[in-house]
Amino acid sequence: CDNPDCPIEWFHFACVDLTTKPKGK
């Protein structure tokens, strides 16, 4: 996550409905 204060910080692609890296933040 691009939020420097995010308490979790790291996420699996499948858990956040991603298949590829999104563009931008």
mmCIF file of all heavy atoms, coordinates in Angstrom:
data_MODEL
# 
_entry.id   MODEL 
# 
loop_
_atom_site.group_PDB 
_atom_site.id 
_atom_site.type_symbol 
_atom_site.label_atom_id 
_atom_site.label_alt_id 
_atom_site.label_comp_id 
_atom_site.label_asym_id 
_atom_site.label_entity_id 
_atom_site.label_seq_id 
_atom_site.pdbx_PDB_ins_code 
_atom_site.Cartn_x 
_atom_site.Cartn_y 
_atom_site.Cartn_z 
_atom_site.occupancy 
_atom_site.B_iso_or_equiv 
_atom_site.pdbx_formal_charge 
_atom_site.auth_seq_id 
_atom_site.auth_comp_id 
_atom_site.auth_asym_id 
_atom_site.auth_atom_id 
_atom_site.pdbx_PDB_model_num 
ATOM 1   N N   . CYS A 1 1  ? 0.851   -1.188  0.000   1.00 0.00 ? 1  CYS A N   1 
ATOM 2   C CA  . CYS A 1 1  ? 0.000   0.000   0.000   1.00 0.00 ? 1  CYS A CA  1 
ATOM 3   C C   . CYS A 1 1  ? 0.891   1.244   0.000   1.00 0.00 ? 1  CYS A C   1 
ATOM 4   O O   . CYS A 1 1  ? 1.914   1.301   0.692   1.00 0.00 ? 1  CYS A O   1 
ATOM 5   C CB  . CYS A 1 1  ? -0.903  -0.005  1.232   1.00 0.00 ? 1  CYS A CB  1 
ATOM 6   S SG  . CYS A 1 1  ? -1.989  1.430   1.364   1.00 0.00 ? 1  CYS A SG  1 
ATOM 7   N N   . ASP A 1 2  ? 0.504   2.275   -0.796  1.00 0.00 ? 2  ASP A N   1 
ATOM 8   C CA  . ASP A 1 2  ? 1.294   3.496   -0.906  1.00 0.00 ? 2  ASP A CA  1 
ATOM 9   C C   . ASP A 1 2  ? 1.053   4.468   0.249   1.00 0.00 ? 2  ASP A C   1 
ATOM 10  O O   . ASP A 1 2  ? 1.647   5.540   0.269   1.00 0.00 ? 2  ASP A O   1 
ATOM 11  C CB  . ASP A 1 2  ? 0.982   4.191   -2.242  1.00 0.00 ? 2  ASP A CB  1 
ATOM 12  C CG  . ASP A 1 2  ? 1.794   3.575   -3.364  1.00 0.00 ? 2  ASP A CG  1 
ATOM 13  O OD1 . ASP A 1 2  ? 3.026   3.731   -3.356  1.00 0.00 ? 2  ASP A OD1 1 
ATOM 14  O OD2 . ASP A 1 2  ? 1.201   2.922   -4.238  1.00 0.00 ? 2  ASP A OD2 1 
ATOM 15  N N   . ASN A 1 3  ? 0.181   4.078   1.177   1.00 0.00 ? 3  ASN A N   1 
ATOM 16  C CA  . ASN A 1 3  ? 0.006   4.898   2.371   1.00 0.00 ? 3  ASN A CA  1 
ATOM 17  C C   . ASN A 1 3  ? 1.115   4.541   3.365   1.00 0.00 ? 3  ASN A C   1 
ATOM 18  O O   . ASN A 1 3  ? 1.168   3.408   3.856   1.00 0.00 ? 3  ASN A O   1 
ATOM 19  C CB  . ASN A 1 3  ? -1.365  4.638   2.996   1.00 0.00 ? 3  ASN A CB  1 
ATOM 20  C CG  . ASN A 1 3  ? -1.576  5.445   4.262   1.00 0.00 ? 3  ASN A CG  1 
ATOM 21  O OD1 . ASN A 1 3  ? -0.814  6.362   4.573   1.00 0.00 ? 3  ASN A OD1 1 
ATOM 22  N ND2 . ASN A 1 3  ? -2.630  5.095   5.000   1.00 0.00 ? 3  ASN A ND2 1 
ATOM 23  N N   . PRO A 1 4  ? 2.027   5.473   3.679   1.00 0.00 ? 4  PRO A N   1 
ATOM 24  C CA  . PRO A 1 4  ? 3.140   5.144   4.586   1.00 0.00 ? 4  PRO A CA  1 
ATOM 25  C C   . PRO A 1 4  ? 2.683   4.775   5.983   1.00 0.00 ? 4  PRO A C   1 
ATOM 26  O O   . PRO A 1 4  ? 3.431   4.150   6.730   1.00 0.00 ? 4  PRO A O   1 
ATOM 27  C CB  . PRO A 1 4  ? 3.984   6.432   4.597   1.00 0.00 ? 4  PRO A CB  1 
ATOM 28  C CG  . PRO A 1 4  ? 3.038   7.519   4.199   1.00 0.00 ? 4  PRO A CG  1 
ATOM 29  C CD  . PRO A 1 4  ? 2.071   6.890   3.240   1.00 0.00 ? 4  PRO A CD  1 
ATOM 30  N N   . ASP A 1 5  ? 1.445   5.141   6.366   1.00 0.00 ? 5  ASP A N   1 
ATOM 31  C CA  . ASP A 1 5  ? 0.927   4.834   7.690   1.00 0.00 ? 5  ASP A CA  1 
ATOM 32  C C   . ASP A 1 5  ? 0.006   3.622   7.689   1.00 0.00 ? 5  ASP A C   1 
ATOM 33  O O   . ASP A 1 5  ? -0.701  3.375   8.683   1.00 0.00 ? 5  ASP A O   1 
ATOM 34  C CB  . ASP A 1 5  ? 0.171   6.042   8.258   1.00 0.00 ? 5  ASP A CB  1 
ATOM 35  C CG  . ASP A 1 5  ? 1.080   7.255   8.423   1.00 0.00 ? 5  ASP A CG  1 
ATOM 36  O OD1 . ASP A 1 5  ? 2.259   7.056   8.751   1.00 0.00 ? 5  ASP A OD1 1 
ATOM 37  O OD2 . ASP A 1 5  ? 0.604   8.391   8.196   1.00 0.00 ? 5  ASP A OD2 1 
ATOM 38  N N   . CYS A 1 6  ? -0.014  2.877   6.616   1.00 0.00 ? 6  CYS A N   1 
ATOM 39  C CA  . CYS A 1 6  ? -0.904  1.705   6.521   1.00 0.00 ? 6  CYS A CA  1 
ATOM 40  C C   . CYS A 1 6  ? -0.476  0.671   7.568   1.00 0.00 ? 6  CYS A C   1 
ATOM 41  O O   . CYS A 1 6  ? 0.687   0.267   7.620   1.00 0.00 ? 6  CYS A O   1 
ATOM 42  C CB  . CYS A 1 6  ? -0.830  1.092   5.126   1.00 0.00 ? 6  CYS A CB  1 
ATOM 43  S SG  . CYS A 1 6  ? -1.869  -0.390  4.940   1.00 0.00 ? 6  CYS A SG  1 
ATOM 44  N N   . PRO A 1 7  ? -1.399  0.207   8.424   1.00 0.00 ? 7  PRO A N   1 
ATOM 45  C CA  . PRO A 1 7  ? -1.022  -0.745  9.481   1.00 0.00 ? 7  PRO A CA  1 
ATOM 46  C C   . PRO A 1 7  ? -0.716  -2.136  8.947   1.00 0.00 ? 7  PRO A C   1 
ATOM 47  O O   . PRO A 1 7  ? -0.018  -2.900  9.595   1.00 0.00 ? 7  PRO A O   1 
ATOM 48  C CB  . PRO A 1 7  ? -2.260  -0.760  10.394  1.00 0.00 ? 7  PRO A CB  1 
ATOM 49  C CG  . PRO A 1 7  ? -3.393  -0.370  9.497   1.00 0.00 ? 7  PRO A CG  1 
ATOM 50  C CD  . PRO A 1 7  ? -2.824  0.591   8.494   1.00 0.00 ? 7  PRO A CD  1 
ATOM 51  N N   . ILE A 1 8  ? -1.230  -2.486  7.769   1.00 0.00 ? 8  ILE A N   1 
ATOM 52  C CA  . ILE A 1 8  ? -1.019  -3.828  7.221   1.00 0.00 ? 8  ILE A CA  1 
ATOM 53  C C   . ILE A 1 8  ? 0.138   -3.832  6.225   1.00 0.00 ? 8  ILE A C   1 
ATOM 54  O O   . ILE A 1 8  ? 1.008   -4.684  6.261   1.00 0.00 ? 8  ILE A O   1 
ATOM 55  C CB  . ILE A 1 8  ? -2.307  -4.343  6.550   1.00 0.00 ? 8  ILE A CB  1 
ATOM 56  C CG1 . ILE A 1 8  ? -3.436  -4.394  7.585   1.00 0.00 ? 8  ILE A CG1 1 
ATOM 57  C CG2 . ILE A 1 8  ? -2.086  -5.714  5.934   1.00 0.00 ? 8  ILE A CG2 1 
ATOM 58  C CD1 . ILE A 1 8  ? -4.764  -4.826  7.024   1.00 0.00 ? 8  ILE A CD1 1 
ATOM 59  N N   . GLU A 1 9  ? 0.128   -2.902  5.296   1.00 0.00 ? 9  GLU A N   1 
ATOM 60  C CA  . GLU A 1 9  ? 1.235   -2.615  4.372   1.00 0.00 ? 9  GLU A CA  1 
ATOM 61  C C   . GLU A 1 9  ? 1.327   -3.582  3.190   1.00 0.00 ? 9  GLU A C   1 
ATOM 62  O O   . GLU A 1 9  ? 1.450   -3.164  2.061   1.00 0.00 ? 9  GLU A O   1 
ATOM 63  C CB  . GLU A 1 9  ? 2.559   -2.589  5.138   1.00 0.00 ? 9  GLU A CB  1 
ATOM 64  C CG  . GLU A 1 9  ? 3.716   -2.022  4.318   1.00 0.00 ? 9  GLU A CG  1 
ATOM 65  C CD  . GLU A 1 9  ? 4.985   -1.908  5.122   1.00 0.00 ? 9  GLU A CD  1 
ATOM 66  O OE1 . GLU A 1 9  ? 5.041   -2.471  6.234   1.00 0.00 ? 9  GLU A OE1 1 
ATOM 67  O OE2 . GLU A 1 9  ? 5.927   -1.257  4.639   1.00 0.00 ? 9  GLU A OE2 1 
ATOM 68  N N   . TRP A 1 10 ? 1.269   -4.879  3.430   1.00 0.00 ? 10 TRP A N   1 
ATOM 69  C CA  . TRP A 1 10 ? 1.420   -5.846  2.334   1.00 0.00 ? 10 TRP A CA  1 
ATOM 70  C C   . TRP A 1 10 ? 0.141   -6.635  2.133   1.00 0.00 ? 10 TRP A C   1 
ATOM 71  O O   . TRP A 1 10 ? -0.521  -7.030  3.102   1.00 0.00 ? 10 TRP A O   1 
ATOM 72  C CB  . TRP A 1 10 ? 2.569   -6.807  2.638   1.00 0.00 ? 10 TRP A CB  1 
ATOM 73  C CG  . TRP A 1 10 ? 3.911   -6.179  2.465   1.00 0.00 ? 10 TRP A CG  1 
ATOM 74  C CD1 . TRP A 1 10 ? 4.599   -5.440  3.382   1.00 0.00 ? 10 TRP A CD1 1 
ATOM 75  C CD2 . TRP A 1 10 ? 4.714   -6.206  1.288   1.00 0.00 ? 10 TRP A CD2 1 
ATOM 76  N NE1 . TRP A 1 10 ? 5.790   -5.019  2.851   1.00 0.00 ? 10 TRP A NE1 1 
ATOM 77  C CE2 . TRP A 1 10 ? 5.898   -5.478  1.567   1.00 0.00 ? 10 TRP A CE2 1 
ATOM 78  C CE3 . TRP A 1 10 ? 4.578   -6.775  0.027   1.00 0.00 ? 10 TRP A CE3 1 
ATOM 79  C CZ2 . TRP A 1 10 ? 6.914   -5.311  0.638   1.00 0.00 ? 10 TRP A CZ2 1 
ATOM 80  C CZ3 . TRP A 1 10 ? 5.589   -6.627  -0.901  1.00 0.00 ? 10 TRP A CZ3 1 
ATOM 81  C CH2 . TRP A 1 10 ? 6.734   -5.895  -0.585  1.00 0.00 ? 10 TRP A CH2 1 
ATOM 82  N N   . PHE A 1 11 ? -0.199  -6.923  0.843   1.00 0.00 ? 11 PHE A N   1 
ATOM 83  C CA  . PHE A 1 11 ? -1.453  -7.597  0.510   1.00 0.00 ? 11 PHE A CA  1 
ATOM 84  C C   . PHE A 1 11 ? -1.223  -8.602  -0.612  1.00 0.00 ? 11 PHE A C   1 
ATOM 85  O O   . PHE A 1 11 ? -0.448  -8.344  -1.541  1.00 0.00 ? 11 PHE A O   1 
ATOM 86  C CB  . PHE A 1 11 ? -2.523  -6.578  0.086   1.00 0.00 ? 11 PHE A CB  1 
ATOM 87  C CG  . PHE A 1 11 ? -2.840  -5.564  1.140   1.00 0.00 ? 11 PHE A CG  1 
ATOM 88  C CD1 . PHE A 1 11 ? -2.055  -4.425  1.292   1.00 0.00 ? 11 PHE A CD1 1 
ATOM 89  C CD2 . PHE A 1 11 ? -3.915  -5.748  1.995   1.00 0.00 ? 11 PHE A CD2 1 
ATOM 90  C CE1 . PHE A 1 11 ? -2.343  -3.486  2.270   1.00 0.00 ? 11 PHE A CE1 1 
ATOM 91  C CE2 . PHE A 1 11 ? -4.212  -4.812  2.979   1.00 0.00 ? 11 PHE A CE2 1 
ATOM 92  C CZ  . PHE A 1 11 ? -3.415  -3.681  3.114   1.00 0.00 ? 11 PHE A CZ  1 
ATOM 93  N N   . HIS A 1 12 ? -1.912  -9.742  -0.518  1.00 0.00 ? 12 HIS A N   1 
ATOM 94  C CA  . HIS A 1 12 ? -1.887  -10.716 -1.603  1.00 0.00 ? 12 HIS A CA  1 
ATOM 95  C C   . HIS A 1 12 ? -2.765  -10.221 -2.761  1.00 0.00 ? 12 HIS A C   1 
ATOM 96  O O   . HIS A 1 12 ? -3.817  -9.623  -2.529  1.00 0.00 ? 12 HIS A O   1 
ATOM 97  C CB  . HIS A 1 12 ? -2.408  -12.075 -1.128  1.00 0.00 ? 12 HIS A CB  1 
ATOM 98  C CG  . HIS A 1 12 ? -1.683  -12.617 0.068   1.00 0.00 ? 12 HIS A CG  1 
ATOM 99  N ND1 . HIS A 1 12 ? -2.242  -12.663 1.325   1.00 0.00 ? 12 HIS A ND1 1 
ATOM 100 C CD2 . HIS A 1 12 ? -0.434  -13.116 0.184   1.00 0.00 ? 12 HIS A CD2 1 
ATOM 101 C CE1 . HIS A 1 12 ? -1.382  -13.178 2.171   1.00 0.00 ? 12 HIS A CE1 1 
ATOM 102 N NE2 . HIS A 1 12 ? -0.264  -13.456 1.510   1.00 0.00 ? 12 HIS A NE2 1 
ATOM 103 N N   . PHE A 1 13 ? -2.336  -10.473 -3.972  1.00 0.00 ? 13 PHE A N   1 
ATOM 104 C CA  . PHE A 1 13 ? -3.107  -10.044 -5.145  1.00 0.00 ? 13 PHE A CA  1 
ATOM 105 C C   . PHE A 1 13 ? -4.551  -10.537 -5.064  1.00 0.00 ? 13 PHE A C   1 
ATOM 106 O O   . PHE A 1 13 ? -5.495  -9.790  -5.295  1.00 0.00 ? 13 PHE A O   1 
ATOM 107 C CB  . PHE A 1 13 ? -2.438  -10.573 -6.415  1.00 0.00 ? 13 PHE A CB  1 
ATOM 108 C CG  . PHE A 1 13 ? -1.410  -9.627  -6.979  1.00 0.00 ? 13 PHE A CG  1 
ATOM 109 C CD1 . PHE A 1 13 ? -0.727  -8.750  -6.156  1.00 0.00 ? 13 PHE A CD1 1 
ATOM 110 C CD2 . PHE A 1 13 ? -1.130  -9.616  -8.342  1.00 0.00 ? 13 PHE A CD2 1 
ATOM 111 C CE1 . PHE A 1 13 ? 0.214   -7.881  -6.663  1.00 0.00 ? 13 PHE A CE1 1 
ATOM 112 C CE2 . PHE A 1 13 ? -0.182  -8.749  -8.862  1.00 0.00 ? 13 PHE A CE2 1 
ATOM 113 C CZ  . PHE A 1 13 ? 0.486   -7.877  -8.018  1.00 0.00 ? 13 PHE A CZ  1 
ATOM 114 N N   . ALA A 1 14 ? -4.719  -11.836 -4.760  1.00 0.00 ? 14 ALA A N   1 
ATOM 115 C CA  . ALA A 1 14 ? -6.065  -12.419 -4.793  1.00 0.00 ? 14 ALA A CA  1 
ATOM 116 C C   . ALA A 1 14 ? -6.985  -11.794 -3.747  1.00 0.00 ? 14 ALA A C   1 
ATOM 117 O O   . ALA A 1 14 ? -8.188  -11.650 -3.977  1.00 0.00 ? 14 ALA A O   1 
ATOM 118 C CB  . ALA A 1 14 ? -5.974  -13.933 -4.567  1.00 0.00 ? 14 ALA A CB  1 
ATOM 119 N N   . CYS A 1 15 ? -6.421  -11.388 -2.603  1.00 0.00 ? 15 CYS A N   1 
ATOM 120 C CA  . CYS A 1 15 ? -7.246  -10.846 -1.525  1.00 0.00 ? 15 CYS A CA  1 
ATOM 121 C C   . CYS A 1 15 ? -7.773  -9.453  -1.839  1.00 0.00 ? 15 CYS A C   1 
ATOM 122 O O   . CYS A 1 15 ? -8.758  -9.010  -1.235  1.00 0.00 ? 15 CYS A O   1 
ATOM 123 C CB  . CYS A 1 15 ? -6.460  -10.822 -0.220  1.00 0.00 ? 15 CYS A CB  1 
ATOM 124 S SG  . CYS A 1 15 ? -6.025  -12.469 0.403   1.00 0.00 ? 15 CYS A SG  1 
ATOM 125 N N   . VAL A 1 16 ? -7.107  -8.743  -2.736  1.00 0.00 ? 16 VAL A N   1 
ATOM 126 C CA  . VAL A 1 16 ? -7.548  -7.386  -3.096  1.00 0.00 ? 16 VAL A CA  1 
ATOM 127 C C   . VAL A 1 16 ? -8.001  -7.332  -4.553  1.00 0.00 ? 16 VAL A C   1 
ATOM 128 O O   . VAL A 1 16 ? -8.016  -6.281  -5.177  1.00 0.00 ? 16 VAL A O   1 
ATOM 129 C CB  . VAL A 1 16 ? -6.427  -6.359  -2.832  1.00 0.00 ? 16 VAL A CB  1 
ATOM 130 C CG1 . VAL A 1 16 ? -6.208  -6.185  -1.343  1.00 0.00 ? 16 VAL A CG1 1 
ATOM 131 C CG2 . VAL A 1 16 ? -5.122  -6.755  -3.510  1.00 0.00 ? 16 VAL A CG2 1 
ATOM 132 N N   . ASP A 1 17 ? -8.344  -8.507  -5.104  1.00 0.00 ? 17 ASP A N   1 
ATOM 133 C CA  . ASP A 1 17 ? -8.912  -8.609  -6.457  1.00 0.00 ? 17 ASP A CA  1 
ATOM 134 C C   . ASP A 1 17 ? -7.974  -8.033  -7.525  1.00 0.00 ? 17 ASP A C   1 
ATOM 135 O O   . ASP A 1 17 ? -8.399  -7.290  -8.419  1.00 0.00 ? 17 ASP A O   1 
ATOM 136 C CB  . ASP A 1 17 ? -10.275 -7.906  -6.538  1.00 0.00 ? 17 ASP A CB  1 
ATOM 137 C CG  . ASP A 1 17 ? -11.303 -8.562  -5.630  1.00 0.00 ? 17 ASP A CG  1 
ATOM 138 O OD1 . ASP A 1 17 ? -11.242 -9.794  -5.469  1.00 0.00 ? 17 ASP A OD1 1 
ATOM 139 O OD2 . ASP A 1 17 ? -12.159 -7.841  -5.071  1.00 0.00 ? 17 ASP A OD2 1 
ATOM 140 N N   . LEU A 1 18 ? -6.699  -8.364  -7.444  1.00 0.00 ? 18 LEU A N   1 
ATOM 141 C CA  . LEU A 1 18 ? -5.730  -7.934  -8.447  1.00 0.00 ? 18 LEU A CA  1 
ATOM 142 C C   . LEU A 1 18 ? -5.139  -9.145  -9.152  1.00 0.00 ? 18 LEU A C   1 
ATOM 143 O O   . LEU A 1 18 ? -4.952  -10.201 -8.549  1.00 0.00 ? 18 LEU A O   1 
ATOM 144 C CB  . LEU A 1 18 ? -4.588  -7.132  -7.795  1.00 0.00 ? 18 LEU A CB  1 
ATOM 145 C CG  . LEU A 1 18 ? -4.925  -5.749  -7.229  1.00 0.00 ? 18 LEU A CG  1 
ATOM 146 C CD1 . LEU A 1 18 ? -3.682  -5.148  -6.586  1.00 0.00 ? 18 LEU A CD1 1 
ATOM 147 C CD2 . LEU A 1 18 ? -5.445  -4.817  -8.324  1.00 0.00 ? 18 LEU A CD2 1 
ATOM 148 N N   . THR A 1 19 ? -4.874  -8.978  -10.419 1.00 0.00 ? 19 THR A N   1 
ATOM 149 C CA  . THR A 1 19 ? -4.172  -10.008 -11.177 1.00 0.00 ? 19 THR A CA  1 
ATOM 150 C C   . THR A 1 19 ? -2.835  -9.494  -11.701 1.00 0.00 ? 19 THR A C   1 
ATOM 151 O O   . THR A 1 19 ? -1.925  -10.277 -11.956 1.00 0.00 ? 19 THR A O   1 
ATOM 152 C CB  . THR A 1 19 ? -5.031  -10.490 -12.363 1.00 0.00 ? 19 THR A CB  1 
ATOM 153 O OG1 . THR A 1 19 ? -5.408  -9.352  -13.163 1.00 0.00 ? 19 THR A OG1 1 
ATOM 154 C CG2 . THR A 1 19 ? -6.295  -11.185 -11.860 1.00 0.00 ? 19 THR A CG2 1 
ATOM 155 N N   . THR A 1 20 ? -2.730  -8.172  -11.878 1.00 0.00 ? 20 THR A N   1 
ATOM 156 C CA  . THR A 1 20 ? -1.480  -7.538  -12.305 1.00 0.00 ? 20 THR A CA  1 
ATOM 157 C C   . THR A 1 20 ? -1.260  -6.276  -11.485 1.00 0.00 ? 20 THR A C   1 
ATOM 158 O O   . THR A 1 20 ? -2.180  -5.772  -10.840 1.00 0.00 ? 20 THR A O   1 
ATOM 159 C CB  . THR A 1 20 ? -1.516  -7.169  -13.806 1.00 0.00 ? 20 THR A CB  1 
ATOM 160 O OG1 . THR A 1 20 ? -2.623  -6.284  -14.033 1.00 0.00 ? 20 THR A OG1 1 
ATOM 161 C CG2 . THR A 1 20 ? -1.662  -8.414  -14.668 1.00 0.00 ? 20 THR A CG2 1 
ATOM 162 N N   . LYS A 1 21 ? -0.052  -5.759  -11.520 1.00 0.00 ? 21 LYS A N   1 
ATOM 163 C CA  . LYS A 1 21 ? 0.244   -4.529  -10.785 1.00 0.00 ? 21 LYS A CA  1 
ATOM 164 C C   . LYS A 1 21 ? -0.455  -3.347  -11.445 1.00 0.00 ? 21 LYS A C   1 
ATOM 165 O O   . LYS A 1 21 ? -0.302  -3.123  -12.648 1.00 0.00 ? 21 LYS A O   1 
ATOM 166 C CB  . LYS A 1 21 ? 1.757   -4.285  -10.771 1.00 0.00 ? 21 LYS A CB  1 
ATOM 167 C CG  . LYS A 1 21 ? 2.523   -5.324  -9.985  1.00 0.00 ? 21 LYS A CG  1 
ATOM 168 C CD  . LYS A 1 21 ? 4.014   -5.056  -10.073 1.00 0.00 ? 21 LYS A CD  1 
ATOM 169 C CE  . LYS A 1 21 ? 4.798   -6.129  -9.346  1.00 0.00 ? 21 LYS A CE  1 
ATOM 170 N NZ  . LYS A 1 21 ? 6.256   -5.934  -9.456  1.00 0.00 ? 21 LYS A NZ  1 
ATOM 171 N N   . PRO A 1 22 ? -1.216  -2.580  -10.687 1.00 0.00 ? 22 PRO A N   1 
ATOM 172 C CA  . PRO A 1 22 ? -1.905  -1.423  -11.278 1.00 0.00 ? 22 PRO A CA  1 
ATOM 173 C C   . PRO A 1 22 ? -0.931  -0.290  -11.564 1.00 0.00 ? 22 PRO A C   1 
ATOM 174 O O   . PRO A 1 22 ? 0.141   -0.201  -10.969 1.00 0.00 ? 22 PRO A O   1 
ATOM 175 C CB  . PRO A 1 22 ? -2.906  -1.025  -10.187 1.00 0.00 ? 22 PRO A CB  1 
ATOM 176 C CG  . PRO A 1 22 ? -2.269  -1.478  -8.916  1.00 0.00 ? 22 PRO A CG  1 
ATOM 177 C CD  . PRO A 1 22 ? -1.511  -2.736  -9.250  1.00 0.00 ? 22 PRO A CD  1 
ATOM 178 N N   . LYS A 1 23 ? -1.334  0.581   -12.489 1.00 0.00 ? 23 LYS A N   1 
ATOM 179 C CA  . LYS A 1 23 ? -0.518  1.743   -12.805 1.00 0.00 ? 23 LYS A CA  1 
ATOM 180 C C   . LYS A 1 23 ? -0.754  2.835   -11.772 1.00 0.00 ? 23 LYS A C   1 
ATOM 181 O O   . LYS A 1 23 ? -1.856  3.000   -11.263 1.00 0.00 ? 23 LYS A O   1 
ATOM 182 C CB  . LYS A 1 23 ? -0.858  2.260   -14.205 1.00 0.00 ? 23 LYS A CB  1 
ATOM 183 C CG  . LYS A 1 23 ? -0.528  1.277   -15.328 1.00 0.00 ? 23 LYS A CG  1 
ATOM 184 C CD  . LYS A 1 23 ? -0.875  1.860   -16.679 1.00 0.00 ? 23 LYS A CD  1 
ATOM 185 C CE  . LYS A 1 23 ? -0.556  0.882   -17.814 1.00 0.00 ? 23 LYS A CE  1 
ATOM 186 N NZ  . LYS A 1 23 ? -0.898  1.440   -19.137 1.00 0.00 ? 23 LYS A NZ  1 
ATOM 187 N N   . GLY A 1 24 ? 0.292   3.601   -11.503 1.00 0.00 ? 24 GLY A N   1 
ATOM 188 C CA  . GLY A 1 24 ? 0.166   4.669   -10.527 1.00 0.00 ? 24 GLY A CA  1 
ATOM 189 C C   . GLY A 1 24 ? 0.163   4.138   -9.104  1.00 0.00 ? 24 GLY A C   1 
ATOM 190 O O   . GLY A 1 24 ? 0.501   2.985   -8.847  1.00 0.00 ? 24 GLY A O   1 
ATOM 191 N N   . LYS A 1 25 ? -0.218  5.005   -8.189  1.00 0.00 ? 25 LYS A N   1 
ATOM 192 C CA  . LYS A 1 25 ? -0.226  4.618   -6.787  1.00 0.00 ? 25 LYS A CA  1 
ATOM 193 C C   . LYS A 1 25 ? -1.413  3.706   -6.492  1.00 0.00 ? 25 LYS A C   1 
ATOM 194 O O   . LYS A 1 25 ? -2.469  3.819   -7.109  1.00 0.00 ? 25 LYS A O   1 
ATOM 195 C CB  . LYS A 1 25 ? -0.263  5.852   -5.883  1.00 0.00 ? 25 LYS A CB  1 
ATOM 196 C CG  . LYS A 1 25 ? 1.021   6.670   -5.915  1.00 0.00 ? 25 LYS A CG  1 
ATOM 197 C CD  . LYS A 1 25 ? 0.970   7.791   -4.886  1.00 0.00 ? 25 LYS A CD  1 
ATOM 198 C CE  . LYS A 1 25 ? 2.293   8.552   -4.854  1.00 0.00 ? 25 LYS A CE  1 
ATOM 199 N NZ  . LYS A 1 25 ? 2.288   9.614   -3.816  1.00 0.00 ? 25 LYS A NZ  1 
# 
